[in-house]
Amino acid sequence: MSRINVKINGKNIGLENSSTIAEMLQERKVTGTMFVVEKNLEIVPKEKYAETSVQENDCFEIVGFFGGG
């Protein structure tokens, strides 16, 4: 697989082995369940991560949720 360039949370990132959002999250070592992924201004449902493609120049926002007091 060839390298592709995307933007994640406003930073230009080169990905080596990511053809889906699920693979991108694994490559970027994003773990846990309390986050959402937005691709090109649209929130992607978690159940679609394994089938949603990552393409050159896509823009992603990965937003985590946490509690506090």
N, C-alpha and C. Protein backbone atom coordinates (compact mmCIF):
# COMPACT_ATOMS: atom_id res chain seq x y z
N MET A 1 0.85 -1.18 0.00
CA MET A 1 0.00 0.00 0.00
C MET A 1 0.89 1.23 0.00
N SER A 2 0.51 2.22 -0.73
CA SER A 2 1.32 3.43 -0.82
C SER A 2 0.92 4.44 0.26
N ARG A 3 1.80 5.37 0.47
CA ARG A 3 1.59 6.43 1.46
C ARG A 3 0.54 7.42 0.94
N ILE A 4 -0.37 7.82 1.83
CA ILE A 4 -1.34 8.85 1.50
C ILE A 4 -1.25 9.97 2.53
N ASN A 5 -1.61 11.16 2.12
CA ASN A 5 -1.56 12.31 3.01
C ASN A 5 -2.98 12.74 3.35
N VAL A 6 -3.23 12.91 4.64
CA VAL A 6 -4.52 13.36 5.14
C VAL A 6 -4.28 14.45 6.17
N LYS A 7 -5.34 15.06 6.62
CA LYS A 7 -5.26 16.03 7.71
C LYS A 7 -6.04 15.45 8.88
N ILE A 8 -5.41 15.38 10.04
CA ILE A 8 -6.05 14.87 11.26
C ILE A 8 -5.93 15.95 12.32
N ASN A 9 -7.08 16.41 12.79
CA ASN A 9 -7.13 17.47 13.81
C ASN A 9 -6.24 18.66 13.43
N GLY A 10 -6.32 19.02 12.14
CA GLY A 10 -5.62 20.20 11.67
C GLY A 10 -4.16 20.02 11.30
N LYS A 11 -3.62 18.79 11.46
CA LYS A 11 -2.21 18.53 11.13
C LYS A 11 -2.11 17.62 9.92
N ASN A 12 -1.18 17.94 9.04
CA ASN A 12 -0.92 17.08 7.89
C ASN A 12 -0.19 15.82 8.36
N ILE A 13 -0.75 14.67 8.00
CA ILE A 13 -0.22 13.38 8.46
C ILE A 13 -0.07 12.47 7.25
N GLY A 14 1.03 11.74 7.18
CA GLY A 14 1.21 10.71 6.16
C GLY A 14 0.87 9.35 6.76
N LEU A 15 0.01 8.61 6.09
CA LEU A 15 -0.38 7.28 6.54
C LEU A 15 0.21 6.24 5.60
N GLU A 16 0.73 5.15 6.17
CA GLU A 16 1.37 4.11 5.38
C GLU A 16 0.44 2.94 5.07
N ASN A 17 -0.35 2.52 6.02
CA ASN A 17 -1.10 1.27 5.88
C ASN A 17 -2.57 1.44 6.23
N SER A 18 -3.18 2.50 5.79
CA SER A 18 -4.55 2.77 6.20
C SER A 18 -5.44 2.97 4.97
N SER A 19 -6.33 2.02 4.74
CA SER A 19 -7.30 2.20 3.66
C SER A 19 -8.69 2.44 4.20
N THR A 20 -8.89 2.22 5.53
CA THR A 20 -10.17 2.48 6.17
C THR A 20 -9.94 3.29 7.44
N ILE A 21 -11.02 3.83 7.97
CA ILE A 21 -10.91 4.58 9.23
C ILE A 21 -10.41 3.66 10.35
N ALA A 22 -10.90 2.43 10.40
CA ALA A 22 -10.46 1.48 11.44
C ALA A 22 -8.94 1.29 11.37
N GLU A 23 -8.39 1.12 10.16
CA GLU A 23 -6.95 0.96 10.01
C GLU A 23 -6.20 2.23 10.36
N MET A 24 -6.76 3.39 10.02
CA MET A 24 -6.14 4.66 10.37
C MET A 24 -6.05 4.81 11.89
N LEU A 25 -7.12 4.48 12.59
CA LEU A 25 -7.12 4.59 14.04
C LEU A 25 -6.08 3.65 14.66
N GLN A 26 -5.96 2.45 14.10
CA GLN A 26 -4.97 1.49 14.59
C GLN A 26 -3.56 2.02 14.32
N GLU A 27 -3.31 2.52 13.12
CA GLU A 27 -1.99 3.05 12.78
C GLU A 27 -1.62 4.24 13.67
N ARG A 28 -2.59 5.07 13.98
CA ARG A 28 -2.35 6.25 14.83
C ARG A 28 -2.43 5.93 16.31
N LYS A 29 -2.69 4.65 16.65
CA LYS A 29 -2.76 4.17 18.04
C LYS A 29 -3.86 4.87 18.85
N VAL A 30 -5.00 5.09 18.21
CA VAL A 30 -6.17 5.66 18.88
C VAL A 30 -6.94 4.48 19.49
N THR A 31 -7.10 4.50 20.80
CA THR A 31 -7.80 3.42 21.49
C THR A 31 -8.94 3.97 22.32
N GLY A 32 -9.73 3.07 22.88
CA GLY A 32 -10.85 3.47 23.71
C GLY A 32 -12.13 3.51 22.90
N THR A 33 -13.19 3.93 23.55
CA THR A 33 -14.49 3.98 22.89
C THR A 33 -15.15 5.35 22.97
N MET A 34 -14.59 6.24 23.75
CA MET A 34 -15.23 7.53 23.99
C MET A 34 -14.69 8.61 23.04
N PHE A 35 -14.87 8.39 21.75
CA PHE A 35 -14.46 9.37 20.77
C PHE A 35 -15.34 9.22 19.52
N VAL A 36 -15.36 10.24 18.71
CA VAL A 36 -16.04 10.18 17.41
C VAL A 36 -15.04 10.62 16.34
N VAL A 37 -15.30 10.16 15.13
CA VAL A 37 -14.48 10.54 13.99
C VAL A 37 -15.37 11.29 12.99
N GLU A 38 -14.87 12.43 12.59
CA GLU A 38 -15.53 13.22 11.55
C GLU A 38 -14.64 13.17 10.31
N LYS A 39 -15.23 12.80 9.17
CA LYS A 39 -14.51 12.75 7.91
C LYS A 39 -15.12 13.78 6.97
N ASN A 40 -14.32 14.74 6.56
CA ASN A 40 -14.77 15.77 5.63
C ASN A 40 -16.10 16.40 6.07
N LEU A 41 -16.14 16.77 7.36
CA LEU A 41 -17.26 17.49 7.98
C LEU A 41 -18.50 16.63 8.26
N GLU A 42 -18.39 15.30 8.15
CA GLU A 42 -19.51 14.42 8.46
C GLU A 42 -19.08 13.39 9.50
N ILE A 43 -19.87 13.24 10.56
CA ILE A 43 -19.57 12.25 11.59
C ILE A 43 -19.82 10.86 11.02
N VAL A 44 -18.85 9.98 11.24
CA VAL A 44 -18.94 8.61 10.74
C VAL A 44 -19.37 7.71 11.91
N PRO A 45 -20.47 6.95 11.76
CA PRO A 45 -20.87 6.02 12.84
C PRO A 45 -19.79 4.96 13.08
N LYS A 46 -19.57 4.60 14.33
CA LYS A 46 -18.53 3.62 14.69
C LYS A 46 -18.66 2.33 13.90
N GLU A 47 -19.89 1.89 13.66
CA GLU A 47 -20.09 0.62 12.94
C GLU A 47 -19.65 0.71 11.47
N LYS A 48 -19.34 1.91 10.99
CA LYS A 48 -18.91 2.10 9.60
C LYS A 48 -17.39 2.29 9.47
N TYR A 49 -16.65 2.32 10.59
CA TYR A 49 -15.21 2.58 10.55
C TYR A 49 -14.48 1.57 9.67
N ALA A 50 -14.85 0.30 9.74
CA ALA A 50 -14.14 -0.75 8.99
C ALA A 50 -14.42 -0.70 7.49
N GLU A 51 -15.49 -0.02 7.09
CA GLU A 51 -15.82 0.02 5.66
C GLU A 51 -15.70 1.41 5.03
N THR A 52 -15.40 2.42 5.84
CA THR A 52 -15.27 3.79 5.32
C THR A 52 -13.84 4.04 4.88
N SER A 53 -13.66 4.36 3.61
CA SER A 53 -12.32 4.50 3.05
C SER A 53 -11.64 5.79 3.50
N VAL A 54 -10.32 5.73 3.50
CA VAL A 54 -9.46 6.88 3.74
C VAL A 54 -8.76 7.17 2.42
N GLN A 55 -8.90 8.40 1.95
CA GLN A 55 -8.34 8.75 0.64
C GLN A 55 -7.45 9.98 0.76
N GLU A 56 -6.60 10.15 -0.23
CA GLU A 56 -5.68 11.29 -0.28
C GLU A 56 -6.43 12.59 -0.04
N ASN A 57 -5.88 13.41 0.85
CA ASN A 57 -6.38 14.75 1.19
C ASN A 57 -7.70 14.76 1.96
N ASP A 58 -8.15 13.63 2.49
CA ASP A 58 -9.30 13.64 3.40
C ASP A 58 -8.94 14.43 4.65
N CYS A 59 -9.94 15.05 5.26
CA CYS A 59 -9.76 15.78 6.52
C CYS A 59 -10.54 15.09 7.62
N PHE A 60 -9.87 14.78 8.72
CA PHE A 60 -10.48 14.10 9.85
C PHE A 60 -10.35 14.93 11.12
N GLU A 61 -11.36 14.85 11.93
CA GLU A 61 -11.30 15.34 13.30
C GLU A 61 -11.62 14.14 14.18
N ILE A 62 -10.77 13.88 15.15
CA ILE A 62 -10.99 12.82 16.13
C ILE A 62 -11.18 13.51 17.47
N VAL A 63 -12.38 13.39 18.00
CA VAL A 63 -12.76 14.13 19.20
C VAL A 63 -13.08 13.15 20.31
N GLY A 64 -12.39 13.28 21.44
CA GLY A 64 -12.63 12.40 22.58
C GLY A 64 -13.50 13.05 23.62
N PHE A 65 -14.21 12.22 24.35
CA PHE A 65 -15.09 12.68 25.43
C PHE A 65 -14.54 12.16 26.76
N PHE A 66 -14.61 12.98 27.79
CA PHE A 66 -14.19 12.54 29.10
C PHE A 66 -14.99 13.28 30.15
N GLY A 67 -15.16 12.61 31.27
CA GLY A 67 -15.92 13.21 32.37
C GLY A 67 -15.01 13.93 33.33
N GLY A 68 -15.59 14.72 34.14
CA GLY A 68 -14.82 15.45 35.13
C GLY A 68 -15.75 16.10 36.14
N GLY A 69 -15.18 16.67 37.11
CA GLY A 69 -16.00 17.25 38.13
C GLY A 69 -15.60 18.57 38.49
